[in-house]
PDB file of N, CA and C in Angstrom:
ATOM      1  N   MET A   1     -33.242 104.723 -33.625  1.00  0.00           N
ATOM      2  CA  MET A   1     -32.773 103.676 -34.500  1.00  0.00           C
ATOM      3  C   MET A   1     -33.997 102.995 -35.122  1.00  0.00           C
ATOM      4  N   PRO A   2     -34.005 102.814 -36.439  1.00  0.00           N
ATOM      5  CA  PRO A   2     -35.169 102.185 -37.079  1.00  0.00           C
ATOM      6  C   PRO A   2     -35.296 100.701 -36.724  1.00  0.00           C
ATOM      7  N   GLN A   3     -36.524 100.235 -36.683  1.00  0.00           N
ATOM      8  CA  GLN A   3     -36.810  98.824 -36.411  1.00  0.00           C
ATOM      9  C   GLN A   3     -36.417  98.001 -37.642  1.00  0.00           C
ATOM     10  N   LEU A   4     -35.605  96.991 -37.457  1.00  0.00           N
ATOM     11  CA  LEU A   4     -35.180  96.144 -38.564  1.00  0.00           C
ATOM     12  C   LEU A   4     -36.100  94.934 -38.672  1.00  0.00           C
ATOM     13  N   PRO A   5     -36.373  94.495 -39.911  1.00  0.00           N
ATOM     14  CA  PRO A   5     -37.215  93.304 -40.054  1.00  0.00           C
ATOM     15  C   PRO A   5     -36.507  92.074 -39.496  1.00  0.00           C
ATOM     16  N   LYS A   6     -37.291  91.149 -38.969  1.00  0.00           N
ATOM     17  CA  LYS A   6     -36.734  89.940 -38.378  1.00  0.00           C
ATOM     18  C   LYS A   6     -37.440  88.739 -38.975  1.00  0.00           C
ATOM     19  N   PHE A   7     -36.780  87.606 -38.909  1.00  0.00           N
ATOM     20  CA  PHE A   7     -37.420  86.379 -39.343  1.00  0.00           C
ATOM     21  C   PHE A   7     -36.945  85.233 -38.466  1.00  0.00           C
ATOM     22  N   MET A   8     -37.723  84.184 -38.444  1.00  0.00           N
ATOM     23  CA  MET A   8     -37.369  83.000 -37.676  1.00  0.00           C
ATOM     24  C   MET A   8     -37.240  81.841 -38.657  1.00  0.00           C
ATOM     25  N   GLN A   9     -36.237  81.034 -38.459  1.00  0.00           N
ATOM     26  CA  GLN A   9     -35.986  79.896 -39.334  1.00  0.00           C
ATOM     27  C   GLN A   9     -35.985  78.625 -38.507  1.00  0.00           C
ATOM     28  N   THR A  10     -36.687  77.619 -38.973  1.00  0.00           N
ATOM     29  CA  THR A  10     -36.614  76.315 -38.325  1.00  0.00           C
ATOM     30  C   THR A  10     -35.831  75.387 -39.236  1.00  0.00           C
ATOM     31  N   LEU A  11     -35.091  74.482 -38.628  1.00  0.00           N
ATOM     32  CA  LEU A  11     -34.242  73.571 -39.384  1.00  0.00           C
ATOM     33  C   LEU A  11     -34.528  72.132 -38.989  1.00  0.00           C
ATOM     34  N   ASP A  12     -34.489  71.272 -39.954  1.00  0.00           N
ATOM     35  CA  ASP A  12     -34.575  69.843 -39.712  1.00  0.00           C
ATOM     36  C   ASP A  12     -33.373  69.438 -38.867  1.00  0.00           C
ATOM     37  N   ASP A  13     -33.507  68.434 -38.030  1.00  0.00           N
ATOM     38  CA  ASP A  13     -32.406  67.994 -37.169  1.00  0.00           C
ATOM     39  C   ASP A  13     -31.147  67.650 -37.961  1.00  0.00           C
ATOM     40  N   ILE A  14     -31.307  67.013 -39.096  1.00  0.00           N
ATOM     41  CA  ILE A  14     -30.147  66.624 -39.916  1.00  0.00           C
ATOM     42  C   ILE A  14     -29.424  67.859 -40.431  1.00  0.00           C
ATOM     43  N   ILE A  15     -30.181  68.839 -40.918  1.00  0.00           N
ATOM     44  CA  ILE A  15     -29.583  70.078 -41.422  1.00  0.00           C
ATOM     45  C   ILE A  15     -28.902  70.831 -40.283  1.00  0.00           C
ATOM     46  N   TYR A  16     -29.545  70.884 -39.126  1.00  0.00           N
ATOM     47  CA  TYR A  16     -28.969  71.570 -37.974  1.00  0.00           C
ATOM     48  C   TYR A  16     -27.624  70.952 -37.592  1.00  0.00           C
ATOM     49  N   ARG A  17     -27.569  69.626 -37.538  1.00  0.00           N
ATOM     50  CA  ARG A  17     -26.315  68.954 -37.176  1.00  0.00           C
ATOM     51  C   ARG A  17     -25.223  69.217 -38.210  1.00  0.00           C
ATOM     52  N   GLU A  18     -25.598  69.264 -39.483  1.00  0.00           N
ATOM     53  CA  GLU A  18     -24.614  69.563 -40.532  1.00  0.00           C
ATOM     54  C   GLU A  18     -24.084  70.988 -40.382  1.00  0.00           C
ATOM     55  N   LEU A  19     -24.982  71.937 -40.132  1.00  0.00           N
ATOM     56  CA  LEU A  19     -24.548  73.317 -39.921  1.00  0.00           C
ATOM     57  C   LEU A  19     -23.677  73.429 -38.668  1.00  0.00           C
ATOM     58  N   GLU A  20     -24.037  72.679 -37.647  1.00  0.00           N
ATOM     59  CA  GLU A  20     -23.257  72.680 -36.413  1.00  0.00           C
ATOM     60  C   GLU A  20     -21.831  72.199 -36.673  1.00  0.00           C
ATOM     61  N   LYS A  21     -21.669  71.143 -37.458  1.00  0.00           N
ATOM     62  CA  LYS A  21     -20.338  70.626 -37.796  1.00  0.00           C
ATOM     63  C   LYS A  21     -19.521  71.665 -38.555  1.00  0.00           C
ATOM     64  N   VAL A  22     -20.153  72.289 -39.549  1.00  0.00           N
ATOM     65  CA  VAL A  22     -19.448  73.291 -40.352  1.00  0.00           C
ATOM     66  C   VAL A  22     -19.040  74.471 -39.480  1.00  0.00           C
ATOM     67  N   ALA A  23     -19.942  74.931 -38.627  1.00  0.00           N
ATOM     68  CA  ALA A  23     -19.639  76.060 -37.748  1.00  0.00           C
ATOM     69  C   ALA A  23     -18.494  75.722 -36.792  1.00  0.00           C
ATOM     70  N   LYS A  24     -18.530  74.528 -36.209  1.00  0.00           N
ATOM     71  CA  LYS A  24     -17.462  74.125 -35.286  1.00  0.00           C
ATOM     72  C   LYS A  24     -16.110  74.085 -35.987  1.00  0.00           C
ATOM     73  N   LYS A  25     -16.082  73.575 -37.223  1.00  0.00           N
ATOM     74  CA  LYS A  25     -14.821  73.546 -37.984  1.00  0.00           C
ATOM     75  C   LYS A  25     -14.267  74.943 -38.196  1.00  0.00           C
ATOM     76  N   ARG A  26     -15.151  75.922 -38.326  1.00  0.00           N
ATOM     77  CA  ARG A  26     -14.732  77.309 -38.552  1.00  0.00           C
ATOM     78  C   ARG A  26     -14.515  78.072 -37.247  1.00  0.00           C
ATOM     79  N   GLY A  27     -14.891  77.462 -36.122  1.00  0.00           N
ATOM     80  CA  GLY A  27     -14.726  78.120 -34.831  1.00  0.00           C
ATOM     81  C   GLY A  27     -15.735  79.226 -34.591  1.00  0.00           C
ATOM     82  N   ILE A  28     -16.936  79.091 -35.171  1.00  0.00           N
ATOM     83  CA  ILE A  28     -17.974  80.097 -35.015  1.00  0.00           C
ATOM     84  C   ILE A  28     -19.283  79.415 -34.625  1.00  0.00           C
ATOM     85  N   THR A  29     -20.288  80.227 -34.279  1.00  0.00           N
ATOM     86  CA  THR A  29     -21.595  79.684 -33.939  1.00  0.00           C
ATOM     87  C   THR A  29     -22.403  79.447 -35.220  1.00  0.00           C
ATOM     88  N   ILE A  30     -23.481  78.692 -35.091  1.00  0.00           N
ATOM     89  CA  ILE A  30     -24.367  78.463 -36.237  1.00  0.00           C
ATOM     90  C   ILE A  30     -24.952  79.795 -36.705  1.00  0.00           C
ATOM     91  N   GLN A  31     -25.342  80.642 -35.770  1.00  0.00           N
ATOM     92  CA  GLN A  31     -25.901  81.946 -36.138  1.00  0.00           C
ATOM     93  C   GLN A  31     -24.890  82.765 -36.938  1.00  0.00           C
ATOM     94  N   GLU A  32     -23.633  82.766 -36.499  1.00  0.00           N
ATOM     95  CA  GLU A  32     -22.599  83.490 -37.238  1.00  0.00           C
ATOM     96  C   GLU A  32     -22.409  82.897 -38.628  1.00  0.00           C
ATOM     97  N   LEU A  33     -22.438  81.581 -38.735  1.00  0.00           N
ATOM     98  CA  LEU A  33     -22.302  80.918 -40.030  1.00  0.00           C
ATOM     99  C   LEU A  33     -23.418  81.355 -40.973  1.00  0.00           C
ATOM    100  N   ILE A  34     -24.635  81.355 -40.466  1.00  0.00           N
ATOM    101  CA  ILE A  34     -25.774  81.742 -41.297  1.00  0.00           C
ATOM    102  C   ILE A  34     -25.660  83.205 -41.722  1.00  0.00           C
ATOM    103  N   ARG A  35     -25.331  84.081 -40.773  1.00  0.00           N
ATOM    104  CA  ARG A  35     -25.243  85.518 -41.083  1.00  0.00           C
ATOM    105  C   ARG A  35     -24.069  85.871 -41.985  1.00  0.00           C
ATOM    106  N   ALA A  36     -22.904  85.303 -41.695  1.00  0.00           N
ATOM    107  CA  ALA A  36     -21.678  85.725 -42.380  1.00  0.00           C
ATOM    108  C   ALA A  36     -21.370  84.945 -43.652  1.00  0.00           C
ATOM    109  N   VAL A  37     -21.893  83.717 -43.773  1.00  0.00           N
ATOM    110  CA  VAL A  37     -21.527  82.880 -44.915  1.00  0.00           C
ATOM    111  C   VAL A  37     -22.730  82.527 -45.781  1.00  0.00           C
ATOM    112  N   ILE A  38     -23.708  81.898 -45.190  1.00  0.00           N
ATOM    113  CA  ILE A  38     -24.813  81.356 -45.978  1.00  0.00           C
ATOM    114  C   ILE A  38     -25.669  82.446 -46.604  1.00  0.00           C
ATOM    115  N   VAL A  39     -26.125  83.411 -45.811  1.00  0.00           N
ATOM    116  CA  VAL A  39     -26.990  84.459 -46.360  1.00  0.00           C
ATOM    117  C   VAL A  39     -26.262  85.270 -47.436  1.00  0.00           C
ATOM    118  N   PRO A  40     -25.040  85.758 -47.200  1.00  0.00           N
ATOM    119  CA  PRO A  40     -24.361  86.506 -48.267  1.00  0.00           C
ATOM    120  C   PRO A  40     -24.168  85.687 -49.551  1.00  0.00           C
ATOM    121  N   GLU A  41     -23.818  84.415 -49.425  1.00  0.00           N
ATOM    122  CA  GLU A  41     -23.659  83.581 -50.626  1.00  0.00           C
ATOM    123  C   GLU A  41     -24.991  83.398 -51.333  1.00  0.00           C
ATOM    124  N   TRP A  42     -26.059  83.228 -50.578  1.00  0.00           N
ATOM    125  CA  TRP A  42     -27.385  83.070 -51.174  1.00  0.00           C
ATOM    126  C   TRP A  42     -27.775  84.350 -51.911  1.00  0.00           C
ATOM    127  N   ILE A  43     -27.530  85.515 -51.282  1.00  0.00           N
ATOM    128  CA  ILE A  43     -27.865  86.794 -51.919  1.00  0.00           C
ATOM    129  C   ILE A  43     -27.029  86.981 -53.188  1.00  0.00           C
ATOM    130  N   ASN A  44     -25.741  86.725 -53.120  1.00  0.00           N
ATOM    131  CA  ASN A  44     -24.877  86.869 -54.300  1.00  0.00           C
ATOM    132  C   ASN A  44     -25.303  85.924 -55.411  1.00  0.00           C
ATOM    133  N   GLY A  45     -25.758  84.753 -55.068  1.00  0.00           N
ATOM    134  CA  GLY A  45     -26.201  83.792 -56.065  1.00  0.00           C
ATOM    135  C   GLY A  45     -27.509  84.170 -56.717  1.00  0.00           C
ATOM    136  N   HIS A  46     -28.269  85.084 -56.095  1.00  0.00           N
ATOM    137  CA  HIS A  46     -29.562  85.479 -56.636  1.00  0.00           C
ATOM    138  C   HIS A  46     -29.558  86.879 -57.221  1.00  0.00           C
ATOM    139  N   ASN A  47     -28.433  87.567 -57.235  1.00  0.00           N
ATOM    140  CA  ASN A  47     -28.354  88.889 -57.868  1.00  0.00           C
ATOM    141  C   ASN A  47     -28.309  88.722 -59.375  1.00  0.00           C
ATOM    142  N   GLY A  48     -28.784  89.698 -60.077  1.00  0.00           N
ATOM    143  CA  GLY A  48     -28.739  89.671 -61.528  1.00  0.00           C
ATOM    144  C   GLY A  48     -29.847  88.846 -62.154  1.00  0.00           C
ATOM    145  N   GLY A  49     -30.860  88.479 -61.400  1.00  0.00           N
ATOM    146  CA  GLY A  49     -31.979  87.738 -61.952  1.00  0.00           C
ATOM    147  C   GLY A  49     -31.666  86.292 -62.256  1.00  0.00           C
ATOM    148  N   GLU A  50     -30.506  85.836 -61.874  1.00  0.00           N
ATOM    149  CA  GLU A  50     -30.094  84.466 -62.139  1.00  0.00           C
ATOM    150  C   GLU A  50     -30.666  83.550 -61.068  1.00  0.00           C
ATOM    151  N   THR A  51     -31.329  82.486 -61.465  1.00  0.00           N
ATOM    152  CA  THR A  51     -31.884  81.536 -60.513  1.00  0.00           C
ATOM    153  C   THR A  51     -31.041  80.281 -60.549  1.00  0.00           C
ATOM    154  N   LYS A  52     -30.460  79.950 -59.428  1.00  0.00           N
ATOM    155  CA  LYS A  52     -29.643  78.742 -59.334  1.00  0.00           C
ATOM    156  C   LYS A  52     -30.481  77.588 -58.832  1.00  0.00           C
ATOM    157  N   ASP A  53     -30.086  76.380 -59.185  1.00  0.00           N
ATOM    158  CA  ASP A  53     -30.730  75.186 -58.653  1.00  0.00           C
ATOM    159  C   ASP A  53     -30.256  75.032 -57.224  1.00  0.00           C
ATOM    160  N   MET A  54     -31.151  75.240 -56.255  1.00  0.00           N
ATOM    161  CA  MET A  54     -30.773  75.183 -54.858  1.00  0.00           C
ATOM    162  C   MET A  54     -31.273  73.892 -54.218  1.00  0.00           C
ATOM    163  N   SER A  55     -31.047  72.774 -54.901  1.00  0.00           N
ATOM    164  CA  SER A  55     -31.380  71.495 -54.291  1.00  0.00           C
ATOM    165  C   SER A  55     -30.503  71.309 -53.073  1.00  0.00           C
ATOM    166  N   PRO A  56     -30.918  70.508 -52.090  1.00  0.00           N
ATOM    167  CA  PRO A  56     -30.118  70.353 -50.869  1.00  0.00           C
ATOM    168  C   PRO A  56     -28.669  69.965 -51.137  1.00  0.00           C
ATOM    169  N   ALA A  57     -28.421  69.114 -52.094  1.00  0.00           N
ATOM    170  CA  ALA A  57     -27.044  68.687 -52.377  1.00  0.00           C
ATOM    171  C   ALA A  57     -26.214  69.856 -52.883  1.00  0.00           C
ATOM    172  N   LYS A  58     -26.769  70.650 -53.788  1.00  0.00           N
ATOM    173  CA  LYS A  58     -26.025  71.797 -54.331  1.00  0.00           C
ATOM    174  C   LYS A  58     -25.941  72.937 -53.334  1.00  0.00           C
ATOM    175  N   ALA A  59     -26.989  73.161 -52.564  1.00  0.00           N
ATOM    176  CA  ALA A  59     -26.991  74.254 -51.585  1.00  0.00           C
ATOM    177  C   ALA A  59     -25.915  74.032 -50.528  1.00  0.00           C
ATOM    178  N   GLY A  60     -25.724  72.823 -50.101  1.00  0.00           N
ATOM    179  CA  GLY A  60     -24.750  72.536 -49.065  1.00  0.00           C
ATOM    180  C   GLY A  60     -23.317  72.586 -49.537  1.00  0.00           C
ATOM    181  N   SER A  61     -23.082  72.331 -50.805  1.00  0.00           N
ATOM    182  CA  SER A  61     -21.717  72.214 -51.289  1.00  0.00           C
ATOM    183  C   SER A  61     -20.997  73.560 -51.366  1.00  0.00           C
ATOM    184  N   SER A  62     -21.708  74.662 -51.531  1.00  0.00           N
ATOM    185  CA  SER A  62     -21.041  75.952 -51.737  1.00  0.00           C
ATOM    186  C   SER A  62     -20.469  76.546 -50.455  1.00  0.00           C
ATOM    187  N   TRP A  63     -21.009  76.208 -49.281  1.00  0.00           N
ATOM    188  CA  TRP A  63     -20.534  76.854 -48.057  1.00  0.00           C
ATOM    189  C   TRP A  63     -19.717  75.942 -47.174  1.00  0.00           C
ATOM    190  N   ARG A  64     -19.437  74.750 -47.597  1.00  0.00           N
ATOM    191  CA  ARG A  64     -18.635  73.847 -46.758  1.00  0.00           C
ATOM    192  C   ARG A  64     -17.236  74.234 -46.793  1.00  0.00           C
TER     193      ARG A  64
END
């Protein structure tokens, strides 16, 4: 099996608590939320050479 690239992400306490709330509402873990919701939405938003304004207010509104 090929070695897959890995990365580590650190989060501010406020952001972590917000993600925790969203994950709990969905009945999933924060890791599942990031893998299944946030990353795919981020990738879809960046396909086609389109750059979206990813300010914290706008970034949070799409996955809630």
